[in-house]
Amino acid sequence: MAVRTKSAKDRPSYRCTECGWTTAKWLGRCPECQAWGTVEEYGAPAVRTTAAGRVSTPALPIGKVDVRTATARSTGVAELDRVLGGGLVPGAVVLLAGEPGVGKSTLLLDVAAKAASAEHPTLYVTGEESASQVRLRADRIKALHDHLYLAAETDLSAVLGHLDAVKPSLLILDSVQTVASPEIDGAPGGMAQVREVAGALIRASKERGMATLLVGHVTKDGAIAGPRLLEHLVDVVLSFEGDRHARLRLVRGVKNRYGATDEVGCFELHDEGITGLTDPSGLFLTRRDEPVPGTCLTVTLEGKRPLVVEVQALTVDTQIPSPRRTTSGLETSRVSMMLAVLEQRGRISALGKRDIYSATVGGVKLTEPAADLAVALALASAASDTPLPKNLVAIGEVGLAGEVRRVTGVQRRLAEAHRLGFTHALVPSDPGKIPAGMKVTEVADMGDALRALPRRGRADAPRDDNARR
């Protein structure tokens, strides 16, 4: 075995001990001299070790670590504090991502003004707009404060310079994809630039005890743009969701080192800005004196928060060979499954030959299976043109065999429905503790659930000619 010289390459190589032929990988037979078992490794890289260095702070028993420096401070926006787990922790870095136009800048500008004070100044750095544009928005939403500082910068060194000048307790950067470091090659928003900018701001936040809110872009698939490492480096990742044509906005926790990740904050976007909704169920309900066919109410869980939502369905005679199936706020696949279950298990045969439209009220999106029973009852009510009883909510997952399955959080859902004045509920078996004064009917399958429709309506349900014969 030859001794490695200083000029040898760091990666290992192999050499034939008979003829001296070299290669980058081991072979059982030398192709030069055809000798077997003569190829051996040489020039293996030396083992590198890191010597012990000086520690910055000594290790302490975990019970003696001071937690006062990690006490959360309110942002002034109760719904955002709810998602963050009580507020912003000094030194925490939060990444807020959402689609363009959903209201990220409006929300954070409102947070910047409400969190600013003489003891805790706030620095708002914008890389997408000019300072005058941000000032106009601040005038519109009344987000002005003497200790709220505004800067329009796209250079990382300039942003760090503002930190030295202002010494803020809260930094808001809108957005991380627009800032670049002059020491890194590449355009702003590239992988290397985003990694460098985020790393520099995270180090500054930890050293100064400064909370930082970073705005992030999303791709067309809804994922956060940039390297995945960005989500691992920050302490909290929030997703800002909402349909731009609706008023409702949801801030959902994706990652949170200081609290739970199943909390959701509800906001309403309007001309004067954005406000938190402590009781958002009113956005998803249509109050009527008399019930209307094709409507059914359910209770969905957004994180830990129960929301009463109205599901609507409409069936009409079609003029084309292939009937339409249109959904809004509901998953098309789940609606198609409910149509198949109603036709096969509920014996409602006219649905396959009619145009069917289904939607939710208020722009909310229902994705959990707990809304299956409400969707099925709304479709059955529309098909028979018979309204469901007033003040009724339906909760449960429907299987392909027609059974109604249990879902999580039934007690919380029933408590929310009872708080809003609903007196009757259809739920799967064994719902647990029932609110006082509320009538709860346990249903095992779709046959039991369809009995909630008045008898006249079930008898008059449309059927095809074969069914009449």
Protein backbone atom coordinates (compact mmCIF):
# COMPACT_ATOMS: atom_id res chain seq x y z
CA MET A 1 0.00 0.00 0.00
CA ALA A 2 1.52 3.27 -1.10
CA VAL A 3 1.78 6.18 1.28
CA ARG A 4 -0.38 9.15 0.34
CA THR A 5 1.56 12.25 -0.67
CA LYS A 6 0.49 15.84 -0.26
CA SER A 7 -0.30 16.08 -3.97
CA ALA A 8 -2.69 13.14 -3.93
CA LYS A 9 -6.39 13.82 -4.49
CA ASP A 10 -8.76 13.85 -1.56
CA ARG A 11 -10.97 11.11 -2.97
CA PRO A 12 -9.72 7.52 -2.67
CA SER A 13 -8.30 5.74 -5.71
CA TYR A 14 -7.15 2.22 -6.54
CA ARG A 15 -3.87 0.90 -8.06
CA CYS A 16 -2.67 -2.44 -9.34
CA THR A 17 0.29 -3.68 -7.31
CA GLU A 18 1.65 -5.59 -10.34
CA CYS A 19 1.70 -3.01 -13.13
CA GLY A 20 0.81 0.27 -11.38
CA TRP A 21 -2.42 0.89 -13.32
CA THR A 22 -4.79 3.24 -11.42
CA THR A 23 -8.55 3.63 -11.39
CA ALA A 24 -11.22 5.54 -9.44
CA LYS A 25 -13.11 2.40 -8.35
CA TRP A 26 -12.18 -1.10 -7.26
CA LEU A 27 -12.03 -3.95 -9.77
CA GLY A 28 -11.40 -7.63 -9.11
CA ARG A 29 -9.17 -7.96 -12.16
CA CYS A 30 -6.66 -5.48 -13.53
CA PRO A 31 -7.63 -4.69 -17.16
CA GLU A 32 -4.01 -3.74 -17.94
CA CYS A 33 -2.06 -6.86 -16.85
CA GLN A 34 -5.07 -9.18 -16.42
CA ALA A 35 -3.95 -10.15 -12.89
CA TRP A 36 -6.62 -11.09 -10.33
CA GLY A 37 -6.82 -9.62 -6.84
CA THR A 38 -4.04 -7.08 -7.32
CA VAL A 39 -6.11 -3.86 -7.30
CA GLU A 40 -5.86 -2.22 -3.88
CA GLU A 41 -6.90 1.12 -2.41
CA TYR A 42 -4.38 3.85 -1.84
CA GLY A 43 -4.49 7.53 -1.11
CA ALA A 44 -7.48 7.29 1.26
CA PRO A 45 -8.52 10.73 2.57
CA ALA A 46 -7.31 11.61 6.02
CA VAL A 47 -9.88 11.69 8.81
CA ARG A 48 -10.69 15.29 9.69
CA THR A 49 -11.69 16.20 13.21
CA THR A 50 -12.79 19.45 14.83
CA ALA A 51 -10.95 20.48 17.95
CA ALA A 52 -12.94 21.52 21.01
CA GLY A 53 -13.40 25.28 21.26
CA ARG A 54 -14.64 27.85 23.73
CA VAL A 55 -18.33 27.73 24.59
CA SER A 56 -20.45 30.87 24.37
CA THR A 57 -22.61 30.05 27.41
CA PRO A 58 -22.19 27.19 29.88
CA ALA A 59 -24.68 24.34 29.87
CA LEU A 60 -27.25 24.54 32.67
CA PRO A 61 -29.75 22.09 34.12
CA ILE A 62 -32.94 22.55 32.15
CA GLY A 63 -34.84 23.55 35.28
CA LYS A 64 -32.53 26.55 35.81
CA VAL A 65 -32.89 27.98 32.29
CA ASP A 66 -34.49 31.44 32.38
CA VAL A 67 -37.75 31.42 30.44
CA ARG A 68 -38.54 35.11 30.92
CA THR A 69 -36.72 36.00 27.72
CA ALA A 70 -39.04 33.68 25.78
CA THR A 71 -42.30 35.26 26.98
CA ALA A 72 -44.61 36.02 24.09
CA ARG A 73 -45.69 39.62 23.42
CA SER A 74 -49.06 40.34 21.85
CA THR A 75 -49.15 41.58 18.26
CA GLY A 76 -52.31 43.59 18.92
CA VAL A 77 -54.31 41.29 16.61
CA ALA A 78 -56.11 38.68 18.70
CA GLU A 79 -56.70 36.23 15.86
CA LEU A 80 -53.03 36.23 14.91
CA ASP A 81 -52.03 35.77 18.55
CA ARG A 82 -54.33 32.76 18.64
CA VAL A 83 -52.43 31.06 15.82
CA LEU A 84 -49.00 32.05 17.14
CA GLY A 85 -49.76 30.60 20.57
CA GLY A 86 -50.11 33.86 22.48
CA GLY A 87 -48.04 36.32 20.47
CA LEU A 88 -44.53 36.87 19.15
CA VAL A 89 -41.61 35.50 21.16
CA PRO A 90 -38.45 37.71 21.15
CA GLY A 91 -36.00 36.25 18.66
CA ALA A 92 -38.68 34.23 16.85
CA VAL A 93 -38.74 34.20 13.05
CA VAL A 94 -42.15 33.75 11.40
CA LEU A 95 -42.71 32.97 7.73
CA LEU A 96 -46.12 34.01 6.35
CA ALA A 97 -46.89 32.71 2.86
CA GLY A 98 -49.93 33.13 0.65
CA GLU A 99 -51.14 33.79 -2.87
CA PRO A 100 -50.83 37.26 -4.42
CA GLY A 101 -53.63 39.61 -3.44
CA VAL A 102 -54.85 37.54 -0.50
CA GLY A 103 -54.04 40.33 1.99
CA LYS A 104 -50.63 39.48 3.49
CA SER A 105 -49.24 43.01 3.30
CA THR A 106 -52.46 44.52 4.64
CA LEU A 107 -52.47 42.21 7.65
CA LEU A 108 -48.80 42.73 8.49
CA LEU A 109 -49.03 46.50 8.14
CA ASP A 110 -51.89 46.45 10.63
CA VAL A 111 -49.78 44.25 12.94
CA ALA A 112 -46.82 46.62 12.58
CA ALA A 113 -48.87 49.62 13.71
CA LYS A 114 -50.58 47.86 16.62
CA ALA A 115 -47.36 46.27 17.93
CA ALA A 116 -45.34 49.51 17.81
CA SER A 117 -44.71 51.48 20.99
CA ALA A 118 -42.03 53.71 22.50
CA GLU A 119 -40.38 50.73 24.20
CA HIS A 120 -40.85 48.41 21.20
CA PRO A 121 -40.38 50.20 17.85
CA THR A 122 -41.30 48.37 14.65
CA LEU A 123 -39.43 48.41 11.33
CA TYR A 124 -41.37 47.62 8.16
CA VAL A 125 -39.12 46.95 5.15
CA THR A 126 -40.77 46.65 1.76
CA GLY A 127 -39.01 45.33 -1.30
CA GLU A 128 -42.04 45.12 -3.58
CA GLU A 129 -43.47 48.62 -3.24
CA SER A 130 -42.26 52.15 -2.74
CA ALA A 131 -42.52 53.81 0.66
CA SER A 132 -45.25 56.14 -0.63
CA GLN A 133 -47.39 53.20 -1.76
CA VAL A 134 -47.18 51.62 1.67
CA ARG A 135 -48.01 54.98 3.27
CA LEU A 136 -51.18 55.24 1.19
CA ARG A 137 -52.28 51.80 2.36
CA ALA A 138 -51.48 52.75 5.94
CA ASP A 139 -53.70 55.85 5.60
CA ARG A 140 -56.54 53.72 4.23
CA ILE A 141 -56.45 51.11 7.00
CA LYS A 142 -55.48 53.65 9.72
CA ALA A 143 -52.14 51.94 10.47
CA LEU A 144 -50.09 55.00 11.41
CA HIS A 145 -47.88 55.18 14.50
CA ASP A 146 -45.02 57.42 15.56
CA HIS A 147 -42.81 54.43 16.36
CA LEU A 148 -43.51 52.54 13.14
CA TYR A 149 -40.55 53.02 10.79
CA LEU A 150 -40.80 52.35 7.07
CA ALA A 151 -38.01 51.65 4.57
CA ALA A 152 -37.99 50.50 0.95
CA GLU A 153 -34.88 48.36 0.41
CA THR A 154 -33.84 45.40 -1.70
CA ASP A 155 -30.24 45.14 -0.49
CA LEU A 156 -29.49 42.89 2.48
CA SER A 157 -26.66 45.07 3.77
CA ALA A 158 -28.98 48.10 3.77
CA VAL A 159 -31.61 46.16 5.72
CA LEU A 160 -29.00 45.22 8.34
CA GLY A 161 -27.97 48.88 8.47
CA HIS A 162 -31.55 49.90 9.25
CA LEU A 163 -31.55 47.39 12.11
CA ASP A 164 -28.52 49.12 13.64
CA ALA A 165 -30.14 52.54 13.27
CA VAL A 166 -33.70 51.77 14.45
CA LYS A 167 -33.02 48.87 16.87
CA PRO A 168 -36.55 47.51 16.42
CA SER A 169 -38.29 44.91 18.56
CA LEU A 170 -40.20 43.71 15.50
CA LEU A 171 -38.99 43.50 11.90
CA ILE A 172 -41.38 42.89 9.02
CA LEU A 173 -39.83 42.10 5.62
CA ASP A 174 -42.11 42.10 2.60
CA SER A 175 -40.90 39.94 1.02
CA VAL A 176 -37.89 37.68 1.49
CA GLN A 177 -37.78 36.89 -2.24
CA THR A 178 -37.16 40.54 -3.18
CA VAL A 179 -34.04 41.10 -1.06
CA ALA A 180 -30.59 40.05 -2.30
CA SER A 181 -27.09 39.94 -0.87
CA PRO A 182 -24.32 41.55 -2.97
CA GLU A 183 -21.91 38.82 -1.86
CA ILE A 184 -23.97 36.02 -3.44
CA ASP A 185 -24.29 35.49 -7.17
CA GLY A 186 -27.78 35.16 -8.60
CA ALA A 187 -30.96 37.15 -8.99
CA PRO A 188 -33.23 37.99 -6.03
CA GLY A 189 -35.57 35.12 -5.26
CA GLY A 190 -33.10 32.44 -6.30
CA MET A 191 -32.29 29.50 -4.08
CA ALA A 192 -28.91 30.82 -2.97
CA GLN A 193 -30.17 34.36 -2.38
CA VAL A 194 -33.21 33.29 -0.34
CA ARG A 195 -31.03 31.00 1.77
CA GLU A 196 -28.48 33.75 2.44
CA VAL A 197 -31.04 36.47 3.21
CA ALA A 198 -33.05 34.23 5.52
CA GLY A 199 -29.92 33.01 7.29
CA ALA A 200 -28.63 36.55 7.90
CA LEU A 201 -31.96 37.78 9.26
CA ILE A 202 -32.36 34.73 11.49
CA ARG A 203 -28.92 35.32 12.99
CA ALA A 204 -29.75 38.99 13.54
CA SER A 205 -33.05 38.09 15.20
CA LYS A 206 -31.49 35.63 17.61
CA GLU A 207 -28.62 37.96 18.54
CA ARG A 208 -30.83 41.01 19.10
CA GLY A 209 -33.86 39.27 20.62
CA MET A 210 -35.92 40.77 17.79
CA ALA A 211 -39.04 39.11 16.43
CA THR A 212 -39.13 38.89 12.65
CA LEU A 213 -42.03 38.40 10.24
CA LEU A 214 -41.03 37.32 6.74
CA VAL A 215 -43.46 37.36 3.83
CA GLY A 216 -42.98 34.47 1.42
CA HIS A 217 -44.24 33.83 -2.10
CA VAL A 218 -45.98 30.65 -3.19
CA THR A 219 -45.78 28.64 -6.39
CA LYS A 220 -48.72 27.94 -8.67
CA ASP A 221 -49.26 24.69 -6.75
CA GLY A 222 -49.62 26.59 -3.47
CA ALA A 223 -46.26 25.51 -1.99
CA ILE A 224 -43.89 28.05 -0.44
CA ALA A 225 -41.41 29.25 -3.05
CA GLY A 226 -37.69 28.88 -2.44
CA PRO A 227 -35.62 26.15 -0.84
CA ARG A 228 -37.32 23.77 1.57
CA LEU A 229 -34.54 24.65 3.99
CA LEU A 230 -36.28 27.99 4.56
CA GLU A 231 -39.20 26.29 6.31
CA HIS A 232 -36.82 24.31 8.51
CA LEU A 233 -34.81 27.37 9.58
CA VAL A 234 -37.69 29.56 10.73
CA ASP A 235 -39.56 29.00 13.99
CA VAL A 236 -43.12 29.43 12.72
CA VAL A 237 -44.67 28.86 9.28
CA LEU A 238 -48.12 30.34 8.64
CA SER A 239 -50.28 29.87 5.57
CA PHE A 240 -52.59 32.71 4.54
CA GLU A 241 -55.56 31.27 2.66
CA GLY A 242 -58.69 32.65 1.07
CA ASP A 243 -60.57 33.19 -2.13
CA ARG A 244 -59.92 36.66 -3.50
CA HIS A 245 -63.61 36.94 -4.43
CA ALA A 246 -64.76 36.22 -0.86
CA ARG A 247 -64.35 38.17 2.37
CA LEU A 248 -63.08 35.31 4.51
CA ARG A 249 -59.34 34.87 5.11
CA LEU A 250 -57.77 32.08 7.17
CA VAL A 251 -54.33 32.09 8.78
CA ARG A 252 -53.38 28.48 9.41
CA GLY A 253 -50.39 27.28 11.42
CA VAL A 254 -48.20 24.82 9.51
CA LYS A 255 -45.24 24.79 11.90
CA ASN A 256 -44.95 26.35 15.34
CA ARG A 257 -42.16 25.84 17.85
CA TYR A 258 -44.03 27.90 20.46
CA GLY A 259 -47.55 26.51 20.22
CA ALA A 260 -49.97 24.15 18.53
CA THR A 261 -50.22 23.76 14.77
CA ASP A 262 -53.96 23.06 14.69
CA GLU A 263 -55.09 26.63 15.36
CA VAL A 264 -56.74 28.79 12.71
CA GLY A 265 -57.29 32.54 12.74
CA CYS A 266 -60.27 33.97 10.86
CA PHE A 267 -60.21 37.42 9.24
CA GLU A 268 -62.54 39.50 7.12
CA LEU A 269 -61.04 41.56 4.31
CA HIS A 270 -62.92 44.74 3.41
CA ASP A 271 -62.31 48.20 2.01
CA GLU A 272 -61.07 49.60 5.31
CA GLY A 273 -58.51 46.84 5.83
CA ILE A 274 -58.64 43.48 7.55
CA THR A 275 -60.25 42.63 10.88
CA GLY A 276 -60.29 39.51 13.02
CA LEU A 277 -63.47 37.48 13.37
CA THR A 278 -64.03 36.03 16.82
CA ASP A 279 -67.32 34.46 15.65
CA PRO A 280 -67.04 33.82 11.90
CA SER A 281 -69.95 31.39 11.57
CA GLY A 282 -72.26 34.23 10.54
CA LEU A 283 -70.39 34.54 7.22
CA PHE A 284 -71.38 31.01 6.24
CA LEU A 285 -75.07 31.09 7.12
CA THR A 286 -78.13 32.48 5.38
CA ARG A 287 -80.80 33.35 7.91
CA ARG A 288 -84.33 32.64 6.59
CA ASP A 289 -87.76 32.64 8.15
CA GLU A 290 -88.70 29.43 6.36
CA PRO A 291 -86.43 26.52 5.29
CA VAL A 292 -85.60 26.16 1.60
CA PRO A 293 -85.22 22.86 -0.30
CA GLY A 294 -81.64 21.90 -1.12
CA THR A 295 -79.97 23.42 1.94
CA CYS A 296 -78.40 21.68 4.92
CA LEU A 297 -76.15 22.88 7.73
CA THR A 298 -73.07 21.17 9.09
CA VAL A 299 -70.29 21.97 11.56
CA THR A 300 -66.73 21.79 10.27
CA LEU A 301 -63.53 21.97 12.29
CA GLU A 302 -60.85 24.41 11.16
CA GLY A 303 -58.06 23.40 13.47
CA LYS A 304 -59.67 23.45 16.91
CA ARG A 305 -62.32 25.97 15.89
CA PRO A 306 -65.82 24.71 14.98
CA LEU A 307 -67.63 26.63 12.22
CA VAL A 308 -71.25 26.20 11.22
CA VAL A 309 -71.43 26.11 7.42
CA GLU A 310 -74.36 25.96 5.02
CA VAL A 311 -74.29 23.54 2.08
CA GLN A 312 -76.60 24.26 -0.87
CA ALA A 313 -77.65 22.02 -3.77
CA LEU A 314 -79.81 22.52 -6.83
CA THR A 315 -81.06 19.91 -9.30
CA VAL A 316 -82.74 20.82 -12.59
CA ASP A 317 -83.81 18.93 -15.71
CA THR A 318 -81.00 18.81 -18.25
CA GLN A 319 -81.16 19.60 -21.96
CA ILE A 320 -77.92 17.85 -22.87
CA PRO A 321 -77.00 14.13 -22.98
CA SER A 322 -74.33 14.50 -20.28
CA PRO A 323 -75.73 16.23 -17.18
CA ARG A 324 -73.61 18.96 -15.57
CA ARG A 325 -71.88 18.50 -12.23
CA THR A 326 -70.73 21.86 -10.84
CA THR A 327 -69.28 22.42 -7.38
CA SER A 328 -68.02 25.47 -5.49
CA GLY A 329 -66.29 25.11 -2.15
CA LEU A 330 -66.77 21.34 -2.18
CA GLU A 331 -64.60 18.56 -3.53
CA THR A 332 -66.04 17.28 -6.79
CA SER A 333 -65.01 13.71 -6.00
CA ARG A 334 -66.84 13.73 -2.64
CA VAL A 335 -70.01 15.14 -4.24
CA SER A 336 -69.88 12.44 -6.94
CA MET A 337 -69.53 9.79 -4.23
CA MET A 338 -72.59 11.15 -2.40
CA LEU A 339 -74.60 11.08 -5.64
CA ALA A 340 -73.67 7.43 -6.17
CA VAL A 341 -74.55 6.51 -2.57
CA LEU A 342 -77.92 8.28 -2.80
CA GLU A 343 -78.78 6.53 -6.05
CA GLN A 344 -77.69 3.06 -4.96
CA ARG A 345 -78.38 3.06 -1.20
CA GLY A 346 -81.02 5.78 -0.93
CA ARG A 347 -82.99 4.68 -4.01
CA ILE A 348 -83.12 8.20 -5.45
CA SER A 349 -82.83 7.27 -9.11
CA ALA A 350 -83.52 10.64 -10.76
CA LEU A 351 -80.22 12.28 -9.78
CA GLY A 352 -78.20 10.72 -12.58
CA LYS A 353 -80.32 12.39 -15.28
CA ARG A 354 -80.37 15.95 -13.94
CA ASP A 355 -77.97 18.89 -13.81
CA ILE A 356 -76.64 19.19 -10.27
CA TYR A 357 -75.06 22.28 -8.70
CA SER A 358 -73.61 22.26 -5.18
CA ALA A 359 -71.86 25.02 -3.24
CA THR A 360 -71.05 26.44 0.17
CA VAL A 361 -72.03 29.86 1.48
CA GLY A 362 -69.45 32.56 2.22
CA GLY A 363 -66.54 31.16 0.22
CA VAL A 364 -65.53 28.54 2.79
CA LYS A 365 -64.01 25.30 1.46
CA LEU A 366 -65.16 22.00 2.93
CA THR A 367 -62.63 19.21 2.56
CA GLU A 368 -63.16 17.04 5.63
CA PRO A 369 -65.38 13.93 5.34
CA ALA A 370 -67.53 15.11 8.27
CA ALA A 371 -69.54 17.19 5.77
CA ASP A 372 -70.58 14.14 3.73
CA LEU A 373 -73.92 13.70 5.50
CA ALA A 374 -74.87 17.35 5.01
CA VAL A 375 -73.96 17.19 1.31
CA ALA A 376 -76.02 14.03 0.83
CA LEU A 377 -79.05 15.48 2.63
CA ALA A 378 -78.84 18.73 0.65
CA LEU A 379 -78.81 16.74 -2.61
CA ALA A 380 -81.73 14.57 -1.47
CA SER A 381 -83.67 17.65 -0.37
CA ALA A 382 -83.09 19.32 -3.74
CA ALA A 383 -84.09 16.19 -5.65
CA SER A 384 -87.38 15.85 -3.75
CA ASP A 385 -87.95 19.63 -3.59
CA THR A 386 -88.61 19.23 0.13
CA PRO A 387 -86.88 21.35 2.77
CA LEU A 388 -85.22 19.83 5.78
CA PRO A 389 -86.55 20.77 9.22
CA LYS A 390 -85.52 24.17 10.50
CA ASN A 391 -82.59 24.43 12.95
CA LEU A 392 -81.13 21.07 11.88
CA VAL A 393 -77.43 20.30 11.50
CA ALA A 394 -75.97 17.09 10.03
CA ILE A 395 -72.56 15.73 10.97
CA GLY A 396 -70.97 12.50 9.77
CA GLU A 397 -68.88 10.73 7.16
CA VAL A 398 -70.75 8.58 4.64
CA GLY A 399 -69.20 5.38 3.33
CA LEU A 400 -69.82 3.70 -0.01
CA ALA A 401 -71.96 1.08 1.71
CA GLY A 402 -74.25 3.86 2.91
CA GLU A 403 -73.12 3.71 6.54
CA VAL A 404 -72.64 6.91 8.56
CA ARG A 405 -69.25 6.84 10.29
CA ARG A 406 -68.04 8.63 13.38
CA VAL A 407 -65.88 11.75 13.08
CA THR A 408 -63.63 13.58 15.50
CA GLY A 409 -64.77 16.43 17.72
CA VAL A 410 -68.51 15.67 17.69
CA GLN A 411 -69.02 17.21 21.12
CA ARG A 412 -67.30 20.46 20.11
CA ARG A 413 -69.37 20.60 16.94
CA LEU A 414 -72.62 20.07 18.81
CA ALA A 415 -71.68 22.69 21.41
CA GLU A 416 -71.07 25.27 18.66
CA ALA A 417 -74.38 24.43 16.94
CA HIS A 418 -76.23 24.72 20.25
CA ARG A 419 -74.57 28.08 20.99
CA LEU A 420 -75.89 29.44 17.69
CA GLY A 421 -79.44 28.30 18.42
CA PHE A 422 -79.72 25.02 16.53
CA THR A 423 -81.95 22.53 18.32
CA HIS A 424 -81.73 19.29 16.28
CA ALA A 425 -78.74 17.34 14.97
CA LEU A 426 -78.16 14.18 12.97
CA VAL A 427 -74.95 12.48 14.11
CA PRO A 428 -73.31 9.03 13.96
CA SER A 429 -73.79 6.61 16.82
CA ASP A 430 -72.24 7.26 20.24
CA PRO A 431 -71.84 11.07 20.01
CA GLY A 432 -70.79 11.49 23.64
CA LYS A 433 -72.05 14.26 25.90
CA ILE A 434 -74.98 16.14 24.37
CA PRO A 435 -75.69 19.82 25.16
CA ALA A 436 -78.72 20.33 27.36
CA GLY A 437 -81.86 21.20 25.43
CA MET A 438 -80.61 19.85 22.09
CA LYS A 439 -82.30 16.92 20.38
CA VAL A 440 -79.74 14.60 18.81
CA THR A 441 -80.74 11.74 16.50
CA GLU A 442 -78.21 8.97 15.92
CA VAL A 443 -78.22 7.61 12.36
CA ALA A 444 -76.52 4.39 11.32
CA ASP A 445 -76.91 4.65 7.55
CA MET A 446 -78.36 6.81 4.78
CA GLY A 447 -81.77 5.20 5.22
CA ASP A 448 -81.99 6.55 8.76
CA ALA A 449 -80.71 9.96 7.64
CA LEU A 450 -83.22 10.30 4.79
CA ARG A 451 -86.06 9.85 7.27
CA ALA A 452 -85.32 13.42 8.35
CA LEU A 453 -87.09 14.48 5.15
CA PRO A 454 -90.86 14.82 5.50
CA ARG A 455 -92.78 11.76 4.28
CA ARG A 456 -94.56 13.69 1.58
CA GLY A 457 -91.26 14.80 0.12
CA ARG A 458 -89.84 11.28 0.06
CA ALA A 459 -92.95 9.96 -1.67
CA ASP A 460 -92.83 12.72 -4.28
CA ALA A 461 -89.12 12.28 -5.04
CA PRO A 462 -88.48 12.14 -8.80
CA ARG A 463 -88.00 8.69 -10.25
CA ASP A 464 -87.34 7.47 -13.76
CA ASP A 465 -89.80 5.56 -15.94
CA ASN A 466 -88.33 2.15 -15.07
CA ALA A 467 -88.87 2.89 -11.38
CA ARG A 468 -92.56 3.74 -12.00
CA ARG A 469 -93.07 0.47 -13.88
